Amino acid sequence: MPDTSIEKYNHVPVTKEDLDWAELITLDFSLYEKPGGKEQLIEQLDHAVQHVGFFYVKNFNISQEEVDFQFALGREFYALPLEEKLQFHNADDLARGEYNGYRPAGHRILGNGIRDNVQVYNIPKFDGYHPRGQPDVLKNHIAEIEAFSRKCHTEVVEKLLRLFAILLELPDEDQLVRDHQYNIRGEDHLRYMHYAARSAEENKKVGELYSPGHTDLGTITLLFRQPVAALQILNSEGQWKWVRPQDGTITINTCDALTALTGGFIKSSVHRVHAPPQDQAHIDRLGVLYFARLAFPVHEYSGIGHGWTDKVYRPNNEVVLDPIQNSPVLNRLGLTKNAFTELGQHLTTQEWVKVRQTQQQRPNREVKITQDGKYAYKPKDLEIIPGLQATVYN
């Protein structure tokens, strides 16, 4: 049970403004173990992952009390003095694409002299390969944090991966689960994320955005209910829609690695963080998220295009982000290429994570923002690998 020494977390009221909300499906995981339940869920999931990349799940066997305790820990961490939080920040790690630990606000310039307003604290999954010091407020509750992290994986991520495998008609519904084993070295992480409220004048200078449109680099992202409206998604008609905070749900978005593995069949969802509506504009926004990524065993890295050599232990093959070859669905649709293979690249999970995170953490120095909120970057700032650039969705 959560420690009562941490004050209970109380969520702020939801907005009363009439926003243009997205229509998203909700997967009820209480059906998962029932006869025919998976088939019902897959029928719902099919359209969502091919056209939107966003949906909700409910009845996922993590109590609201457990979720709220993680929000309380995030609140306590961000209440620490900046100098204490900075003890867990390493700018050189960020430059190398390693971003576990703390990232202070203002690391990147959004444009027009305004820096980003987001603080991030990432806690890597408890696989034995990421020893890190933690501030006392988190270290004293590390058992609860690990239990929550593992539940995110087993109760949500693994179930979704089995549904995706069935959707792709893979011969074994655990095929994707084996590529995401929790105890195998990988870059899954739990995140406490804090957006500081800005003035109306500052928001106007950056097109009313906290973060411009983008996709996530991993497999699946879990966003626990956050009542401060800010998340928006780009739908298949090219319209930005607000994502409503639904009681008792997790908002799920599918990400770049899953798109690469399925040749584009599963959509990497495009989303951004907008300044909150007027009745919430003064409220800081705290988020609890879990990022699932493909696992990889311990290897000695020799660089992109130069392969890998086994160093310690190789329980399964390193996942290469080529389209899955044994999916009858992908083969019928001719989805046998992706953005990497078209460049002659066959990136492993670890290679992709490093180059994409390095690009994401690169400070932007000459971003131009138009009056209607469109962001224009220098090509070098968006380069992931030669020939492949990140996309900013305006």
Protein backbone atom coordinates (compact mmCIF):
# COMPACT_ATOMS: atom_id res chain seq x y z
CA MET A 1 0.00 0.00 0.00
CA PRO A 2 1.23 3.56 -0.68
CA ASP A 3 3.08 5.23 2.19
CA THR A 4 0.82 7.62 4.12
CA SER A 5 3.82 9.87 4.88
CA ILE A 6 3.34 11.30 1.38
CA GLU A 7 0.38 13.67 1.26
CA LYS A 8 -2.44 12.42 -0.96
CA TYR A 9 -2.50 13.83 -4.47
CA ASN A 10 -5.60 15.76 -5.44
CA HIS A 11 -6.24 16.28 -9.13
CA VAL A 12 -7.36 19.71 -10.27
CA PRO A 13 -10.87 20.07 -11.77
CA VAL A 14 -11.26 19.44 -15.49
CA THR A 15 -11.82 22.37 -17.83
CA LYS A 16 -15.33 23.71 -18.29
CA GLU A 17 -14.55 25.03 -21.77
CA ASP A 18 -16.22 23.51 -24.80
CA LEU A 19 -13.18 22.14 -26.62
CA ASP A 20 -13.05 20.25 -29.89
CA TRP A 21 -12.48 16.81 -28.38
CA ALA A 22 -11.15 13.81 -30.31
CA GLU A 23 -13.38 10.77 -30.61
CA LEU A 24 -11.24 7.88 -29.40
CA ILE A 25 -12.11 4.27 -28.67
CA THR A 26 -11.76 2.77 -25.20
CA LEU A 27 -10.49 -0.80 -24.84
CA ASP A 28 -12.01 -2.53 -21.83
CA PHE A 29 -9.36 -4.90 -20.52
CA SER A 30 -11.94 -6.73 -18.41
CA LEU A 31 -12.75 -8.51 -21.70
CA TYR A 32 -9.16 -9.66 -22.21
CA GLU A 33 -9.43 -13.06 -20.48
CA LYS A 34 -13.04 -13.74 -21.41
CA PRO A 35 -13.98 -16.08 -24.28
CA GLY A 36 -13.95 -14.04 -27.48
CA GLY A 37 -12.74 -10.99 -25.56
CA LYS A 38 -9.49 -10.52 -27.43
CA GLU A 39 -11.34 -10.69 -30.73
CA GLN A 40 -13.69 -7.91 -29.57
CA LEU A 41 -10.75 -5.76 -28.51
CA ILE A 42 -8.91 -6.34 -31.79
CA GLU A 43 -11.98 -5.32 -33.78
CA GLN A 44 -11.92 -1.99 -31.94
CA LEU A 45 -8.16 -1.65 -32.12
CA ASP A 46 -7.84 -2.25 -35.86
CA HIS A 47 -9.15 1.12 -36.99
CA ALA A 48 -7.52 3.06 -34.15
CA VAL A 49 -3.96 1.91 -34.83
CA GLN A 50 -4.22 2.29 -38.59
CA HIS A 51 -5.78 5.75 -38.65
CA VAL A 52 -5.26 7.54 -35.34
CA GLY A 53 -2.62 5.85 -33.20
CA PHE A 54 -4.41 6.98 -30.02
CA PHE A 55 -6.93 5.19 -27.81
CA TYR A 56 -7.83 4.65 -24.16
CA VAL A 57 -7.70 1.53 -22.00
CA LYS A 58 -9.71 0.94 -18.84
CA ASN A 59 -9.92 -1.82 -16.20
CA PHE A 60 -6.15 -2.36 -16.43
CA ASN A 61 -5.60 -3.74 -12.91
CA ILE A 62 -3.70 -0.73 -11.54
CA SER A 63 -5.70 1.04 -8.85
CA GLN A 64 -6.37 4.77 -8.82
CA GLU A 65 -4.63 4.84 -5.44
CA GLU A 66 -1.46 3.45 -7.02
CA VAL A 67 -1.66 5.96 -9.88
CA ASP A 68 -2.26 8.89 -7.53
CA PHE A 69 0.72 7.86 -5.41
CA GLN A 70 2.95 8.22 -8.47
CA PHE A 71 1.51 11.68 -9.10
CA ALA A 72 2.24 12.52 -5.46
CA LEU A 73 5.86 11.39 -5.86
CA GLY A 74 6.18 13.52 -8.99
CA ARG A 75 4.77 16.51 -7.10
CA GLU A 76 7.23 15.97 -4.24
CA PHE A 77 10.18 15.68 -6.62
CA TYR A 78 9.37 18.89 -8.48
CA ALA A 79 8.91 20.72 -5.18
CA LEU A 80 12.61 20.14 -4.41
CA PRO A 81 15.01 23.09 -4.76
CA LEU A 82 16.50 23.34 -8.24
CA GLU A 83 20.04 22.79 -6.96
CA GLU A 84 18.96 19.47 -5.45
CA LYS A 85 17.27 18.33 -8.66
CA LEU A 86 20.32 19.36 -10.69
CA GLN A 87 22.38 16.76 -8.84
CA PHE A 88 20.56 14.22 -11.03
CA HIS A 89 21.15 16.07 -14.31
CA ASN A 90 23.99 15.41 -16.74
CA ALA A 91 24.17 17.57 -19.88
CA ASP A 92 26.76 15.26 -21.46
CA ASP A 93 24.36 12.32 -21.09
CA LEU A 94 21.70 14.27 -22.97
CA ALA A 95 24.11 15.04 -25.81
CA ARG A 96 24.83 11.29 -26.12
CA GLY A 97 21.13 10.41 -26.21
CA GLU A 98 21.07 9.15 -22.62
CA TYR A 99 18.29 10.90 -20.76
CA ASN A 100 17.49 8.96 -17.63
CA GLY A 101 17.52 11.22 -14.63
CA TYR A 102 16.59 14.91 -14.58
CA ARG A 103 16.30 17.38 -17.42
CA PRO A 104 15.63 20.96 -16.32
CA ALA A 105 13.32 23.36 -18.09
CA GLY A 106 14.92 25.68 -20.64
CA HIS A 107 17.17 23.07 -22.24
CA ARG A 108 15.83 23.93 -25.70
CA ILE A 109 14.87 27.18 -27.36
CA LEU A 110 11.36 27.01 -28.77
CA GLY A 111 11.74 30.30 -30.61
CA ASN A 112 11.41 34.09 -30.29
CA GLY A 113 13.58 34.02 -27.18
CA ILE A 114 11.27 31.61 -25.33
CA ARG A 115 12.76 28.42 -23.91
CA ASP A 116 10.84 25.25 -23.21
CA ASN A 117 8.87 25.12 -19.96
CA VAL A 118 9.12 21.40 -19.27
CA GLN A 119 11.03 19.49 -16.61
CA VAL A 120 11.49 15.75 -17.05
CA TYR A 121 12.57 13.05 -14.64
CA ASN A 122 13.02 9.57 -16.14
CA ILE A 123 13.38 6.42 -14.05
CA PRO A 124 14.68 3.50 -16.15
CA LYS A 125 13.03 0.11 -15.88
CA PHE A 126 14.35 -2.16 -13.17
CA ASP A 127 16.20 -4.62 -15.41
CA GLY A 128 19.52 -4.54 -13.52
CA TYR A 129 21.37 -2.57 -16.20
CA HIS A 130 20.58 1.01 -15.15
CA PRO A 131 22.04 1.65 -11.69
CA ARG A 132 21.31 5.26 -10.76
CA GLY A 133 21.20 7.38 -7.67
CA GLN A 134 17.79 8.80 -6.77
CA PRO A 135 16.75 11.76 -4.62
CA ASP A 136 15.65 10.66 -1.17
CA VAL A 137 11.96 11.35 -1.84
CA LEU A 138 12.07 8.71 -4.61
CA LYS A 139 14.70 6.41 -3.13
CA ASN A 140 12.56 6.00 -0.01
CA HIS A 141 9.73 4.70 -2.20
CA ILE A 142 11.69 2.82 -4.82
CA ALA A 143 9.85 -0.44 -4.09
CA GLU A 144 6.50 1.16 -4.93
CA ILE A 145 8.00 2.77 -8.05
CA GLU A 146 9.38 -0.56 -9.26
CA ALA A 147 6.06 -2.33 -8.59
CA PHE A 148 4.22 0.36 -10.55
CA SER A 149 6.72 0.20 -13.44
CA ARG A 150 6.40 -3.57 -13.67
CA LYS A 151 2.60 -3.37 -13.59
CA CYS A 152 2.61 -0.88 -16.45
CA HIS A 153 4.54 -3.47 -18.42
CA THR A 154 2.66 -6.66 -17.52
CA GLU A 155 -0.87 -5.30 -17.17
CA VAL A 156 -0.87 -2.91 -20.14
CA VAL A 157 2.12 -3.18 -22.48
CA GLU A 158 2.20 -6.98 -22.75
CA LYS A 159 -1.55 -7.23 -23.27
CA LEU A 160 -1.43 -4.67 -26.06
CA LEU A 161 1.53 -6.43 -27.69
CA ARG A 162 -0.46 -9.69 -27.76
CA LEU A 163 -3.38 -7.88 -29.36
CA PHE A 164 -1.07 -6.36 -31.97
CA ALA A 165 0.40 -9.82 -32.68
CA ILE A 166 -3.06 -11.27 -33.27
CA LEU A 167 -3.99 -8.29 -35.43
CA LEU A 168 -0.89 -8.95 -37.54
CA GLU A 169 -1.76 -12.69 -37.67
CA LEU A 170 1.63 -13.65 -36.25
CA PRO A 171 2.01 -17.39 -35.62
CA ASP A 172 2.62 -16.81 -31.90
CA GLU A 173 0.77 -14.13 -29.96
CA ASP A 174 3.78 -13.77 -27.64
CA GLN A 175 6.21 -12.90 -30.46
CA LEU A 176 6.19 -9.17 -29.72
CA VAL A 177 6.15 -9.78 -25.97
CA ARG A 178 9.43 -11.70 -26.27
CA ASP A 179 10.96 -8.66 -27.97
CA HIS A 180 9.91 -6.48 -25.02
CA GLN A 181 10.92 -8.58 -22.01
CA TYR A 182 11.07 -6.44 -18.89
CA ASN A 183 14.16 -8.09 -17.39
CA ILE A 184 16.18 -7.81 -20.62
CA ARG A 185 18.22 -4.65 -21.02
CA GLY A 186 16.21 -1.89 -22.67
CA GLU A 187 15.16 1.75 -22.55
CA ASP A 188 11.66 1.54 -21.04
CA HIS A 189 11.20 4.23 -18.45
CA LEU A 190 8.70 5.80 -16.09
CA ARG A 191 8.50 9.58 -16.36
CA TYR A 192 7.34 12.39 -14.13
CA MET A 193 6.82 15.42 -16.39
CA HIS A 194 6.14 18.98 -15.29
CA TYR A 195 4.99 21.85 -17.51
CA ALA A 196 5.12 25.28 -15.86
CA ALA A 197 2.27 27.64 -16.70
CA ARG A 198 3.30 30.54 -18.93
CA SER A 199 1.95 34.03 -19.40
CA ALA A 200 -0.40 34.72 -22.31
CA GLU A 201 2.30 36.90 -23.88
CA GLU A 202 4.87 34.09 -23.82
CA ASN A 203 2.40 31.55 -25.18
CA LYS A 204 1.58 33.86 -28.09
CA LYS A 205 5.27 34.07 -29.04
CA VAL A 206 5.48 30.28 -29.45
CA GLY A 207 2.19 29.71 -31.26
CA GLU A 208 0.29 28.75 -28.08
CA LEU A 209 2.32 25.54 -27.86
CA TYR A 210 4.25 23.91 -25.05
CA SER A 211 5.59 21.34 -27.55
CA PRO A 212 5.10 21.28 -31.36
CA GLY A 213 3.67 18.27 -33.21
CA HIS A 214 5.81 15.12 -33.10
CA THR A 215 5.79 11.34 -32.77
CA ASP A 216 7.35 9.23 -30.00
CA LEU A 217 10.34 7.04 -30.82
CA GLY A 218 9.51 3.82 -28.97
CA THR A 219 6.76 1.20 -29.20
CA ILE A 220 3.91 2.34 -26.94
CA THR A 221 3.45 5.34 -24.63
CA LEU A 222 1.14 5.24 -21.60
CA LEU A 223 -0.20 8.57 -20.32
CA PHE A 224 -2.07 8.36 -17.04
CA ARG A 225 -5.15 10.58 -16.76
CA GLN A 226 -4.12 14.23 -16.61
CA PRO A 227 -6.99 16.69 -16.09
CA VAL A 228 -5.16 19.80 -17.33
CA ALA A 229 -6.21 19.83 -20.99
CA ALA A 230 -3.19 20.29 -23.26
CA LEU A 231 -2.63 17.12 -25.29
CA GLN A 232 -3.82 17.37 -28.89
CA ILE A 233 -3.69 14.78 -31.67
CA LEU A 234 -3.60 15.18 -35.43
CA ASN A 235 -6.41 13.09 -36.88
CA SER A 236 -6.54 11.43 -40.29
CA GLU A 237 -8.33 14.50 -41.71
CA GLY A 238 -5.42 16.74 -40.72
CA GLN A 239 -7.29 18.37 -37.83
CA TRP A 240 -5.90 18.98 -34.35
CA LYS A 241 -8.26 17.64 -31.67
CA TRP A 242 -8.02 17.86 -27.89
CA VAL A 243 -7.68 14.62 -25.92
CA ARG A 244 -10.26 14.45 -23.15
CA PRO A 245 -9.17 13.25 -19.68
CA GLN A 246 -11.36 10.18 -19.15
CA ASP A 247 -11.87 8.86 -15.62
CA GLY A 248 -10.18 5.54 -14.87
CA THR A 249 -8.29 5.33 -18.17
CA ILE A 250 -4.81 5.44 -19.60
CA THR A 251 -4.31 7.24 -22.90
CA ILE A 252 -2.21 5.09 -25.23
CA ASN A 253 -0.29 6.17 -28.30
CA THR A 254 1.61 3.97 -30.72
CA CYS A 255 5.10 5.05 -31.72
CA ASP A 256 7.83 5.05 -34.38
CA ALA A 257 9.41 1.65 -33.67
CA LEU A 258 6.05 -0.08 -34.04
CA THR A 259 5.46 1.79 -37.30
CA ALA A 260 8.86 0.64 -38.58
CA LEU A 261 8.22 -2.98 -37.58
CA THR A 262 4.86 -2.98 -39.38
CA GLY A 263 5.89 -1.09 -42.52
CA GLY A 264 3.52 1.73 -41.61
CA PHE A 265 0.50 -0.52 -40.90
CA ILE A 266 0.39 0.69 -37.28
CA LYS A 267 0.41 4.47 -37.26
CA SER A 268 2.88 6.43 -35.17
CA SER A 269 0.53 8.94 -33.59
CA VAL A 270 1.16 12.63 -34.16
CA HIS A 271 0.54 14.77 -31.10
CA ARG A 272 1.50 18.07 -29.52
CA VAL A 273 1.11 19.86 -26.20
CA HIS A 274 -0.97 23.03 -26.49
CA ALA A 275 -1.22 25.74 -23.88
CA PRO A 276 -4.19 24.84 -21.64
CA PRO A 277 -7.58 26.53 -22.07
CA GLN A 278 -8.19 29.80 -20.29
CA ASP A 279 -9.71 28.36 -17.11
CA GLN A 280 -6.60 26.16 -16.62
CA ALA A 281 -3.95 28.46 -18.12
CA HIS A 282 -2.56 29.36 -14.69
CA ILE A 283 -2.10 25.72 -13.56
CA ASP A 284 1.16 23.80 -13.81
CA ARG A 285 0.68 20.46 -15.57
CA LEU A 286 2.08 17.29 -13.96
CA GLY A 287 2.14 14.04 -15.92
CA VAL A 288 2.95 10.41 -15.15
CA LEU A 289 3.93 8.42 -18.24
CA TYR A 290 5.42 5.05 -19.11
CA PHE A 291 7.40 4.57 -22.31
CA ALA A 292 7.73 1.03 -23.66
CA ARG A 293 10.58 0.21 -26.03
CA LEU A 294 12.03 -2.91 -27.56
CA ALA A 295 14.47 -4.76 -25.33
CA PHE A 296 18.05 -5.48 -26.29
CA PRO A 297 20.66 -7.74 -24.66
CA VAL A 298 24.07 -6.60 -23.50
CA HIS A 299 26.32 -5.95 -26.50
CA GLU A 300 29.49 -4.20 -27.36
CA TYR A 301 28.50 -1.33 -29.63
CA SER A 302 30.55 -0.68 -32.74
CA GLY A 303 28.46 2.01 -34.42
CA ILE A 304 25.72 2.31 -37.02
CA GLY A 305 26.42 0.31 -40.14
CA HIS A 306 29.23 -1.65 -38.48
CA GLY A 307 27.23 -4.26 -36.63
CA TRP A 308 27.38 -5.65 -33.10
CA THR A 309 29.49 -8.20 -31.30
CA ASP A 310 28.21 -10.32 -28.43
CA LYS A 311 29.84 -9.32 -25.17
CA VAL A 312 28.05 -11.04 -22.31
CA TYR A 313 24.72 -12.66 -23.00
CA ARG A 314 22.43 -12.95 -25.98
CA PRO A 315 19.15 -14.59 -24.94
CA ASN A 316 17.41 -13.65 -28.19
CA ASN A 317 18.38 -11.91 -31.39
CA GLU A 318 18.79 -8.16 -31.35
CA VAL A 319 15.62 -6.68 -32.85
CA VAL A 320 16.26 -5.00 -36.17
CA LEU A 321 13.67 -2.39 -37.12
CA ASP A 322 12.81 -3.96 -40.48
CA PRO A 323 9.18 -4.84 -41.21
CA ILE A 324 8.17 -8.13 -39.57
CA GLN A 325 8.60 -10.88 -42.14
CA ASN A 326 6.21 -13.51 -40.78
CA SER A 327 3.07 -11.38 -40.69
CA PRO A 328 0.54 -12.60 -43.29
CA VAL A 329 -1.21 -9.22 -43.01
CA LEU A 330 1.90 -7.19 -43.88
CA ASN A 331 2.83 -9.58 -46.67
CA ARG A 332 -0.67 -9.41 -48.21
CA LEU A 333 -0.54 -5.62 -48.14
CA GLY A 334 3.02 -5.48 -49.51
CA LEU A 335 4.28 -3.62 -46.43
CA THR A 336 7.85 -4.90 -46.65
CA LYS A 337 9.76 -1.57 -46.48
CA ASN A 338 10.04 1.36 -44.14
CA ALA A 339 11.88 4.68 -43.90
CA PHE A 340 15.07 2.94 -42.73
CA THR A 341 15.24 0.13 -45.27
CA GLU A 342 14.56 2.53 -48.12
CA LEU A 343 17.85 4.21 -47.17
CA GLY A 344 19.63 0.85 -47.05
CA GLN A 345 19.72 1.02 -43.24
CA HIS A 346 18.80 -1.87 -40.97
CA LEU A 347 18.88 -0.19 -37.59
CA THR A 348 18.84 -2.18 -34.39
CA THR A 349 16.70 -1.02 -31.51
CA GLN A 350 19.65 0.41 -29.63
CA GLU A 351 20.99 2.25 -32.66
CA TRP A 352 17.61 3.83 -33.31
CA VAL A 353 17.11 4.88 -29.70
CA LYS A 354 20.52 6.54 -29.51
CA VAL A 355 20.34 8.49 -32.77
CA ARG A 356 16.73 9.59 -32.25
CA GLN A 357 17.24 10.64 -28.64
CA THR A 358 20.40 12.51 -29.61
CA GLN A 359 18.44 14.42 -32.25
CA GLN A 360 15.58 15.12 -29.84
CA GLN A 361 17.90 16.54 -27.20
CA ARG A 362 19.85 18.74 -29.61
CA PRO A 363 19.34 22.37 -28.58
CA ASN A 364 17.63 24.37 -31.32
CA ARG A 365 19.20 27.77 -31.83
CA GLU A 366 17.44 29.32 -34.80
CA VAL A 367 13.86 28.11 -34.73
CA LYS A 368 11.52 30.43 -36.60
CA ILE A 369 7.87 30.59 -35.55
CA THR A 370 5.30 32.25 -37.76
CA GLN A 371 2.36 34.21 -36.40
CA ASP A 372 0.07 31.25 -37.05
CA GLY A 373 2.29 28.98 -34.95
CA LYS A 374 4.30 27.10 -37.59
CA TYR A 375 7.79 26.00 -36.55
CA ALA A 376 10.69 26.02 -39.03
CA TYR A 377 13.97 24.38 -38.02
CA LYS A 378 17.36 24.27 -39.65
CA PRO A 379 17.73 20.95 -41.50
CA LYS A 380 20.69 19.97 -39.31
CA ASP A 381 18.55 20.24 -36.18
CA LEU A 382 16.12 17.68 -37.60
CA GLU A 383 18.67 15.21 -39.00
CA ILE A 384 18.50 11.80 -37.33
CA ILE A 385 20.81 9.97 -39.73
CA PRO A 386 21.94 11.08 -43.20
CA GLY A 387 18.88 11.05 -45.44
CA LEU A 388 16.37 10.79 -42.59
CA GLN A 389 14.97 13.82 -40.80
CA ALA A 390 12.51 14.16 -37.97
CA THR A 391 9.20 15.75 -38.89
CA VAL A 392 7.69 18.69 -37.04
CA TYR A 393 3.95 18.65 -37.63
CA ASN A 394 2.60 22.19 -37.88
